[in-house]
Amino acid sequence: MSQNSDTDTAPAPEHGYTSDKAAYLRRLKRIEGQVRGIARMVDEDAYCIDILTQVAAINKALHAVSLGLLEDHIGHCVVNAAAESPEAGGAKVKEAADAIGRLLR
């Protein structure tokens, strides 16, 4: 038995994506398989354009995951912070804007 029972019973933090966590994990596992497939294509000297086509598909899939996570973040974390206080809401909006900037680079 653990010495600190408070941490044993503390609920995991809920994030905007929590309700869709299983779907996100399935999508990420599929993307992971696609990346392994590209590595196999390179190892087997596949045609460059075929490899690039698969890279584009992975980029599109990752983009979809990113947009979903961003939507979940705004709909949950930003909205909750804004309800807490204008300052907290403003900080979360800035955080989301910075994340969008990173995605667009």
C-alpha atoms as a PDB file:
ATOM      1  CA  MET A   1       0.000   0.000   0.000  1.00  0.00           C
ATOM      2  CA  SER A   2       1.207   3.487  -0.829  1.00  0.00           C
ATOM      3  CA  GLN A   3       2.190   5.922   1.917  1.00  0.00           C
ATOM      4  CA  ASN A   4       0.461   8.867   0.237  1.00  0.00           C
ATOM      5  CA  SER A   5      -3.167   7.903  -0.308  1.00  0.00           C
ATOM      6  CA  ASP A   6      -4.096  11.435  -1.458  1.00  0.00           C
ATOM      7  CA  THR A   7      -2.258  10.999  -4.742  1.00  0.00           C
ATOM      8  CA  ASP A   8      -3.609   7.478  -5.163  1.00  0.00           C
ATOM      9  CA  THR A   9      -7.214   8.690  -5.129  1.00  0.00           C
ATOM     10  CA  ALA A  10      -6.762  12.018  -6.901  1.00  0.00           C
ATOM     11  CA  PRO A  11      -8.708  12.049 -10.161  1.00  0.00           C
ATOM     12  CA  ALA A  12      -6.764  12.395 -13.374  1.00  0.00           C
ATOM     13  CA  PRO A  13      -7.006  15.894 -14.823  1.00  0.00           C
ATOM     14  CA  GLU A  14      -9.723  16.221 -17.440  1.00  0.00           C
ATOM     15  CA  HIS A  15      -8.725  17.811 -20.710  1.00  0.00           C
ATOM     16  CA  GLY A  16     -10.845  18.835 -23.650  1.00  0.00           C
ATOM     17  CA  TYR A  17      -9.965  15.647 -25.517  1.00  0.00           C
ATOM     18  CA  THR A  18     -10.701  13.307 -22.600  1.00  0.00           C
ATOM     19  CA  SER A  19     -14.090  12.186 -23.914  1.00  0.00           C
ATOM     20  CA  ASP A  20     -12.525  11.351 -27.318  1.00  0.00           C
ATOM     21  CA  LYS A  21      -9.278   9.912 -25.982  1.00  0.00           C
ATOM     22  CA  ALA A  22      -9.860   6.420 -27.399  1.00  0.00           C
ATOM     23  CA  ALA A  23     -10.564   7.830 -30.865  1.00  0.00           C
ATOM     24  CA  TYR A  24      -7.423   9.976 -30.745  1.00  0.00           C
ATOM     25  CA  LEU A  25      -5.350   6.979 -29.692  1.00  0.00           C
ATOM     26  CA  ARG A  26      -6.769   4.878 -32.562  1.00  0.00           C
ATOM     27  CA  ARG A  27      -5.942   7.627 -35.064  1.00  0.00           C
ATOM     28  CA  LEU A  28      -2.427   8.028 -33.686  1.00  0.00           C
ATOM     29  CA  LYS A  29      -1.804   4.269 -33.810  1.00  0.00           C
ATOM     30  CA  ARG A  30      -2.951   4.286 -37.447  1.00  0.00           C
ATOM     31  CA  ILE A  31      -0.539   7.150 -38.187  1.00  0.00           C
ATOM     32  CA  GLU A  32       2.220   5.276 -36.394  1.00  0.00           C
ATOM     33  CA  GLY A  33       1.576   2.296 -38.675  1.00  0.00           C
ATOM     34  CA  GLN A  34       1.721   4.566 -41.725  1.00  0.00           C
ATOM     35  CA  VAL A  35       5.119   5.896 -40.603  1.00  0.00           C
ATOM     36  CA  ARG A  36       6.421   2.352 -40.193  1.00  0.00           C
ATOM     37  CA  GLY A  37       5.087   1.627 -43.686  1.00  0.00           C
ATOM     38  CA  ILE A  38       7.054   4.541 -45.109  1.00  0.00           C
ATOM     39  CA  ALA A  39      10.208   3.310 -43.412  1.00  0.00           C
ATOM     40  CA  ARG A  40       9.605  -0.091 -44.997  1.00  0.00           C
ATOM     41  CA  MET A  41       9.069   1.568 -48.393  1.00  0.00           C
ATOM     42  CA  VAL A  42      12.396   3.388 -48.084  1.00  0.00           C
ATOM     43  CA  ASP A  43      14.113   0.182 -46.964  1.00  0.00           C
ATOM     44  CA  GLU A  44      12.666  -1.619 -49.999  1.00  0.00           C
ATOM     45  CA  ASP A  45      13.669   1.214 -52.385  1.00  0.00           C
ATOM     46  CA  ALA A  46      10.106   2.162 -53.319  1.00  0.00           C
ATOM     47  CA  TYR A  47       9.470   4.842 -55.938  1.00  0.00           C
ATOM     48  CA  CYS A  48      10.026   8.387 -54.567  1.00  0.00           C
ATOM     49  CA  ILE A  49       6.594   9.667 -55.566  1.00  0.00           C
ATOM     50  CA  ASP A  50       4.879   6.744 -53.840  1.00  0.00           C
ATOM     51  CA  ILE A  51       6.767   7.562 -50.635  1.00  0.00           C
ATOM     52  CA  LEU A  52       5.911  11.262 -50.933  1.00  0.00           C
ATOM     53  CA  THR A  53       2.248  10.360 -51.409  1.00  0.00           C
ATOM     54  CA  GLN A  54       2.320   8.457 -48.136  1.00  0.00           C
ATOM     55  CA  VAL A  55       4.126  11.327 -46.370  1.00  0.00           C
ATOM     56  CA  ALA A  56       1.385  13.686 -47.566  1.00  0.00           C
ATOM     57  CA  ALA A  57      -1.262  11.318 -46.192  1.00  0.00           C
ATOM     58  CA  ILE A  58       0.458  11.280 -42.796  1.00  0.00           C
ATOM     59  CA  ASN A  59       0.736  15.063 -42.768  1.00  0.00           C
ATOM     60  CA  LYS A  60      -2.985  15.324 -43.503  1.00  0.00           C
ATOM     61  CA  ALA A  61      -3.819  12.833 -40.749  1.00  0.00           C
ATOM     62  CA  LEU A  62      -1.646  14.674 -38.211  1.00  0.00           C
ATOM     63  CA  HIS A  63      -3.220  17.953 -39.277  1.00  0.00           C
ATOM     64  CA  ALA A  64      -6.679  16.498 -38.577  1.00  0.00           C
ATOM     65  CA  VAL A  65      -5.562  15.326 -35.120  1.00  0.00           C
ATOM     66  CA  SER A  66      -4.089  18.760 -34.411  1.00  0.00           C
ATOM     67  CA  LEU A  67      -7.260  20.568 -35.423  1.00  0.00           C
ATOM     68  CA  GLY A  68      -9.374  18.232 -33.317  1.00  0.00           C
ATOM     69  CA  LEU A  69      -7.174  18.764 -30.271  1.00  0.00           C
ATOM     70  CA  LEU A  70      -7.235  22.513 -30.822  1.00  0.00           C
ATOM     71  CA  GLU A  71     -11.023  22.541 -31.091  1.00  0.00           C
ATOM     72  CA  ASP A  72     -11.282  20.453 -27.917  1.00  0.00           C
ATOM     73  CA  HIS A  73      -8.859  22.785 -26.133  1.00  0.00           C
ATOM     74  CA  ILE A  74     -10.795  25.898 -27.077  1.00  0.00           C
ATOM     75  CA  GLY A  75     -14.164  24.324 -26.314  1.00  0.00           C
ATOM     76  CA  HIS A  76     -13.077  23.054 -22.921  1.00  0.00           C
ATOM     77  CA  CYS A  77      -9.959  24.679 -21.484  1.00  0.00           C
ATOM     78  CA  VAL A  78     -10.398  28.170 -22.927  1.00  0.00           C
ATOM     79  CA  VAL A  79     -14.128  28.306 -22.198  1.00  0.00           C
ATOM     80  CA  ASN A  80     -13.626  27.080 -18.624  1.00  0.00           C
ATOM     81  CA  ALA A  81     -10.797  29.537 -18.006  1.00  0.00           C
ATOM     82  CA  ALA A  82     -12.872  32.417 -19.408  1.00  0.00           C
ATOM     83  CA  ALA A  83     -15.711  31.483 -17.057  1.00  0.00           C
ATOM     84  CA  GLU A  84     -13.212  31.539 -14.172  1.00  0.00           C
ATOM     85  CA  SER A  85     -11.891  35.029 -14.892  1.00  0.00           C
ATOM     86  CA  PRO A  86     -11.051  37.363 -17.781  1.00  0.00           C
ATOM     87  CA  GLU A  87      -7.346  37.059 -16.973  1.00  0.00           C
ATOM     88  CA  ALA A  88      -7.398  33.259 -16.986  1.00  0.00           C
ATOM     89  CA  GLY A  89      -9.417  33.278 -20.208  1.00  0.00           C
ATOM     90  CA  GLY A  90      -7.003  35.702 -21.827  1.00  0.00           C
ATOM     91  CA  ALA A  91      -4.053  33.524 -20.871  1.00  0.00           C
ATOM     92  CA  LYS A  92      -5.705  30.455 -22.409  1.00  0.00           C
ATOM     93  CA  VAL A  93      -6.561  32.377 -25.594  1.00  0.00           C
ATOM     94  CA  LYS A  94      -2.892  33.424 -25.866  1.00  0.00           C
ATOM     95  CA  GLU A  95      -1.829  29.827 -25.291  1.00  0.00           C
ATOM     96  CA  ALA A  96      -4.187  28.636 -28.066  1.00  0.00           C
ATOM     97  CA  ALA A  97      -3.000  31.390 -30.432  1.00  0.00           C
ATOM     98  CA  ASP A  98       0.623  30.361 -29.805  1.00  0.00           C
ATOM     99  CA  ALA A  99      -0.273  26.742 -30.532  1.00  0.00           C
ATOM    100  CA  ILE A 100      -1.950  27.780 -33.792  1.00  0.00           C
ATOM    101  CA  GLY A 101       1.189  29.700 -34.701  1.00  0.00           C
ATOM    102  CA  ARG A 102       3.306  26.594 -34.125  1.00  0.00           C
ATOM    103  CA  LEU A 103       0.963  24.539 -36.289  1.00  0.00           C
ATOM    104  CA  LEU A 104       1.203  27.009 -39.149  1.00  0.00           C
ATOM    105  CA  ARG A 105       5.002  27.100 -39.216  1.00  0.00           C
END
